[in-house]
Amino acid sequence: MLNCKQASRLVSEGQDRTLSWRERWGLRMHLWMCSNCRRFERQIRLMRRAFSMLSRRAEEDSASGALSTDARERIRKSLDDKGGPDAHG
């Protein structure tokens, strides 16, 4: 039977590789009995989905070259405050 440390390691590793049949079975049995590790597994899956969505959104924004109006204004103001690219002297 796995302990919580071993189970959390397998939950994390399972995000990056396919677990062996023995690892999956042991993890499944542990998760069946341990509510804390079940919660950890749900949190890991949620974070992975959130980061994936964030990454896709950043790629889409980068590809489109889109900046929000607020971001453009902050950049413009920062450049003006520092003399900007057109500053003389």
N, C-alpha and C. Protein backbone atom coordinates (compact mmCIF):
# COMPACT_ATOMS: atom_id res chain seq x y z
N MET A 1 0.84 -1.18 0.00
CA MET A 1 0.00 0.00 0.00
C MET A 1 0.89 1.24 0.00
N LEU A 2 0.52 2.21 -0.84
CA LEU A 2 1.28 3.45 -0.93
C LEU A 2 1.00 4.35 0.27
N ASN A 3 2.00 5.15 0.65
CA ASN A 3 1.73 6.21 1.62
C ASN A 3 1.43 7.50 0.84
N CYS A 4 1.06 8.54 1.55
CA CYS A 4 0.65 9.79 0.89
C CYS A 4 1.79 10.42 0.08
N LYS A 5 3.00 10.35 0.57
CA LYS A 5 4.15 10.92 -0.16
C LYS A 5 4.33 10.20 -1.50
N GLN A 6 4.26 8.88 -1.48
CA GLN A 6 4.39 8.11 -2.72
C GLN A 6 3.23 8.40 -3.67
N ALA A 7 2.02 8.50 -3.11
CA ALA A 7 0.85 8.76 -3.95
C ALA A 7 0.94 10.13 -4.60
N SER A 8 1.35 11.14 -3.84
CA SER A 8 1.45 12.49 -4.42
C SER A 8 2.50 12.53 -5.52
N ARG A 9 3.60 11.78 -5.34
CA ARG A 9 4.62 11.71 -6.38
C ARG A 9 4.05 11.08 -7.64
N LEU A 10 3.28 10.01 -7.49
CA LEU A 10 2.69 9.36 -8.65
C LEU A 10 1.64 10.24 -9.32
N VAL A 11 0.88 10.97 -8.54
CA VAL A 11 -0.09 11.91 -9.12
C VAL A 11 0.64 12.91 -10.00
N SER A 12 1.72 13.47 -9.48
CA SER A 12 2.49 14.45 -10.24
C SER A 12 3.14 13.83 -11.48
N GLU A 13 3.77 12.68 -11.30
CA GLU A 13 4.43 12.03 -12.43
C GLU A 13 3.43 11.60 -13.49
N GLY A 14 2.24 11.23 -13.05
CA GLY A 14 1.20 10.80 -13.99
C GLY A 14 0.76 11.90 -14.94
N GLN A 15 1.08 13.14 -14.61
CA GLN A 15 0.77 14.25 -15.51
C GLN A 15 1.72 14.29 -16.70
N ASP A 16 2.91 13.73 -16.51
CA ASP A 16 3.95 13.82 -17.54
C ASP A 16 4.28 12.51 -18.24
N ARG A 17 3.85 11.42 -17.65
CA ARG A 17 4.15 10.12 -18.27
C ARG A 17 3.02 9.15 -17.95
N THR A 18 2.98 8.08 -18.70
CA THR A 18 2.00 7.03 -18.45
C THR A 18 2.51 6.15 -17.32
N LEU A 19 1.71 6.02 -16.28
CA LEU A 19 2.09 5.19 -15.15
C LEU A 19 1.94 3.71 -15.52
N SER A 20 2.75 2.90 -14.91
CA SER A 20 2.64 1.46 -15.14
C SER A 20 1.33 0.94 -14.54
N TRP A 21 0.97 -0.26 -14.93
CA TRP A 21 -0.26 -0.85 -14.40
C TRP A 21 -0.19 -0.94 -12.89
N ARG A 22 0.93 -1.35 -12.35
CA ARG A 22 1.11 -1.48 -10.90
C ARG A 22 1.00 -0.11 -10.20
N GLU A 23 1.62 0.91 -10.79
CA GLU A 23 1.54 2.26 -10.21
C GLU A 23 0.11 2.77 -10.22
N ARG A 24 -0.57 2.59 -11.35
CA ARG A 24 -1.97 3.05 -11.44
C ARG A 24 -2.85 2.35 -10.42
N TRP A 25 -2.68 1.05 -10.30
CA TRP A 25 -3.50 0.27 -9.36
C TRP A 25 -3.24 0.72 -7.92
N GLY A 26 -1.97 0.85 -7.57
CA GLY A 26 -1.63 1.28 -6.21
C GLY A 26 -2.16 2.68 -5.92
N LEU A 27 -2.01 3.56 -6.90
CA LEU A 27 -2.51 4.93 -6.72
C LEU A 27 -4.03 4.94 -6.59
N ARG A 28 -4.69 4.19 -7.43
CA ARG A 28 -6.15 4.13 -7.38
C ARG A 28 -6.64 3.64 -6.02
N MET A 29 -5.99 2.61 -5.48
CA MET A 29 -6.36 2.08 -4.17
C MET A 29 -6.13 3.13 -3.08
N HIS A 30 -5.00 3.83 -3.15
CA HIS A 30 -4.70 4.85 -2.16
C HIS A 30 -5.74 5.99 -2.24
N LEU A 31 -6.02 6.44 -3.46
CA LEU A 31 -6.98 7.54 -3.62
C LEU A 31 -8.36 7.15 -3.15
N TRP A 32 -8.70 5.88 -3.28
CA TRP A 32 -10.00 5.40 -2.84
C TRP A 32 -10.16 5.60 -1.33
N MET A 33 -9.04 5.50 -0.60
CA MET A 33 -9.10 5.58 0.87
C MET A 33 -8.68 6.94 1.43
N CYS A 34 -8.00 7.76 0.66
CA CYS A 34 -7.41 8.99 1.22
C CYS A 34 -8.02 10.24 0.58
N SER A 35 -8.84 10.92 1.35
CA SER A 35 -9.51 12.12 0.81
C SER A 35 -8.53 13.26 0.55
N ASN A 36 -7.47 13.35 1.35
CA ASN A 36 -6.50 14.43 1.13
C ASN A 36 -5.77 14.25 -0.20
N CYS A 37 -5.41 13.04 -0.52
CA CYS A 37 -4.72 12.79 -1.79
C CYS A 37 -5.68 12.93 -2.97
N ARG A 38 -6.96 12.59 -2.78
CA ARG A 38 -7.96 12.82 -3.84
C ARG A 38 -8.08 14.32 -4.12
N ARG A 39 -8.08 15.12 -3.06
CA ARG A 39 -8.14 16.58 -3.20
C ARG A 39 -6.91 17.09 -3.94
N PHE A 40 -5.74 16.57 -3.56
CA PHE A 40 -4.49 16.96 -4.22
C PHE A 40 -4.55 16.63 -5.71
N GLU A 41 -5.04 15.44 -6.04
CA GLU A 41 -5.15 15.06 -7.45
C GLU A 41 -6.07 16.01 -8.22
N ARG A 42 -7.20 16.36 -7.63
CA ARG A 42 -8.12 17.31 -8.29
C ARG A 42 -7.46 18.67 -8.48
N GLN A 43 -6.72 19.12 -7.48
CA GLN A 43 -6.03 20.41 -7.58
C GLN A 43 -4.98 20.39 -8.68
N ILE A 44 -4.24 19.31 -8.79
CA ILE A 44 -3.22 19.18 -9.83
C ILE A 44 -3.88 19.23 -11.21
N ARG A 45 -4.98 18.48 -11.38
CA ARG A 45 -5.67 18.47 -12.68
C ARG A 45 -6.21 19.87 -13.00
N LEU A 46 -6.77 20.55 -12.00
CA LEU A 46 -7.30 21.90 -12.21
C LEU A 46 -6.18 22.86 -12.62
N MET A 47 -5.05 22.79 -11.94
CA MET A 47 -3.93 23.69 -12.29
C MET A 47 -3.42 23.40 -13.69
N ARG A 48 -3.34 22.13 -14.05
CA ARG A 48 -2.86 21.78 -15.39
C ARG A 48 -3.80 22.34 -16.46
N ARG A 49 -5.12 22.21 -16.25
CA ARG A 49 -6.08 22.77 -17.21
C ARG A 49 -5.97 24.28 -17.27
N ALA A 50 -5.83 24.93 -16.10
CA ALA A 50 -5.73 26.39 -16.07
C ALA A 50 -4.48 26.87 -16.80
N PHE A 51 -3.35 26.23 -16.55
CA PHE A 51 -2.11 26.63 -17.24
C PHE A 51 -2.19 26.37 -18.73
N SER A 52 -2.85 25.30 -19.10
CA SER A 52 -3.01 24.99 -20.51
C SER A 52 -3.86 26.06 -21.20
N MET A 53 -4.94 26.44 -20.56
CA MET A 53 -5.81 27.49 -21.12
C MET A 53 -5.05 28.82 -21.19
N LEU A 54 -4.31 29.13 -20.15
CA LEU A 54 -3.54 30.38 -20.12
C LEU A 54 -2.49 30.38 -21.23
N SER A 55 -1.83 29.26 -21.42
CA SER A 55 -0.82 29.15 -22.47
C SER A 55 -1.44 29.34 -23.86
N ARG A 56 -2.58 28.68 -24.10
CA ARG A 56 -3.25 28.83 -25.40
C ARG A 56 -3.66 30.28 -25.62
N ARG A 57 -4.17 30.92 -24.58
CA ARG A 57 -4.60 32.32 -24.72
C ARG A 57 -3.40 33.23 -25.01
N ALA A 58 -2.29 32.97 -24.34
CA ALA A 58 -1.10 33.79 -24.58
C ALA A 58 -0.60 33.59 -26.01
N GLU A 59 -0.64 32.35 -26.51
CA GLU A 59 -0.23 32.10 -27.88
C GLU A 59 -1.15 32.80 -28.87
N GLU A 60 -2.45 32.76 -28.60
CA GLU A 60 -3.40 33.43 -29.50
C GLU A 60 -3.17 34.94 -29.50
N ASP A 61 -2.97 35.51 -28.31
CA ASP A 61 -2.72 36.95 -28.21
C ASP A 61 -1.42 37.33 -28.91
N SER A 62 -0.40 36.49 -28.74
CA SER A 62 0.88 36.75 -29.37
C SER A 62 0.77 36.68 -30.89
N ALA A 63 0.04 35.68 -31.37
CA ALA A 63 -0.12 35.51 -32.81
C ALA A 63 -0.90 36.66 -33.43
N SER A 64 -1.87 37.17 -32.69
CA SER A 64 -2.69 38.25 -33.25
C SER A 64 -2.04 39.62 -33.04
N GLY A 65 -1.02 39.67 -32.15
CA GLY A 65 -0.37 40.95 -31.88
C GLY A 65 -1.26 41.89 -31.09
N ALA A 66 -2.28 41.36 -30.48
CA ALA A 66 -3.27 42.19 -29.79
C ALA A 66 -2.81 42.57 -28.40
N LEU A 67 -2.89 43.84 -28.12
CA LEU A 67 -2.71 44.37 -26.78
C LEU A 67 -3.98 45.12 -26.42
N SER A 68 -4.34 45.06 -25.15
CA SER A 68 -5.52 45.79 -24.71
C SER A 68 -5.24 47.28 -24.79
N THR A 69 -6.29 48.06 -24.83
CA THR A 69 -6.16 49.52 -24.87
C THR A 69 -5.40 50.02 -23.65
N ASP A 70 -5.72 49.42 -22.47
CA ASP A 70 -5.02 49.82 -21.25
C ASP A 70 -3.53 49.54 -21.35
N ALA A 71 -3.17 48.38 -21.88
CA ALA A 71 -1.76 48.02 -22.01
C ALA A 71 -1.05 48.99 -22.95
N ARG A 72 -1.70 49.34 -24.05
CA ARG A 72 -1.09 50.29 -24.99
C ARG A 72 -0.87 51.65 -24.34
N GLU A 73 -1.85 52.08 -23.54
CA GLU A 73 -1.73 53.39 -22.87
C GLU A 73 -0.61 53.36 -21.83
N ARG A 74 -0.50 52.26 -21.07
CA ARG A 74 0.58 52.15 -20.08
C ARG A 74 1.94 52.19 -20.76
N ILE A 75 2.08 51.51 -21.87
CA ILE A 75 3.35 51.51 -22.61
C ILE A 75 3.65 52.90 -23.14
N ARG A 76 2.64 53.53 -23.74
CA ARG A 76 2.81 54.87 -24.29
C ARG A 76 3.22 55.85 -23.19
N LYS A 77 2.56 55.78 -22.02
CA LYS A 77 2.86 56.68 -20.92
C LYS A 77 4.27 56.43 -20.40
N SER A 78 4.65 55.17 -20.28
CA SER A 78 5.99 54.83 -19.80
C SER A 78 7.05 55.36 -20.76
N LEU A 79 6.82 55.23 -22.05
CA LEU A 79 7.78 55.75 -23.03
C LEU A 79 7.84 57.27 -22.97
N ASP A 80 6.69 57.92 -22.83
CA ASP A 80 6.67 59.38 -22.74
C ASP A 80 7.40 59.86 -21.49
N ASP A 81 7.20 59.16 -20.36
CA ASP A 81 7.84 59.55 -19.10
C ASP A 81 9.37 59.41 -19.18
N LYS A 82 9.84 58.48 -19.99
CA LYS A 82 11.28 58.23 -20.10
C LYS A 82 11.89 58.92 -21.31
N GLY A 83 11.15 59.71 -21.98
CA GLY A 83 11.68 60.40 -23.13
C GLY A 83 11.31 59.74 -24.43
N GLY A 84 10.88 58.47 -24.36
CA GLY A 84 10.40 57.77 -25.54
C GLY A 84 11.44 57.59 -26.62
N PRO A 85 11.08 56.89 -27.66
CA PRO A 85 12.03 56.65 -28.75
C PRO A 85 12.31 57.89 -29.58
N ASP A 86 11.45 58.89 -29.50
CA ASP A 86 11.64 60.09 -30.31
C ASP A 86 12.31 61.22 -29.55
N ALA A 87 12.75 60.92 -28.32
CA ALA A 87 13.36 61.98 -27.49
C ALA A 87 14.68 62.42 -28.09
N HIS A 88 14.95 63.70 -27.97
CA HIS A 88 16.19 64.27 -28.50
C HIS A 88 17.13 64.54 -27.33
N GLY A 89 18.39 64.38 -27.59
CA GLY A 89 19.33 64.81 -26.58
C GLY A 89 20.15 63.79 -26.04
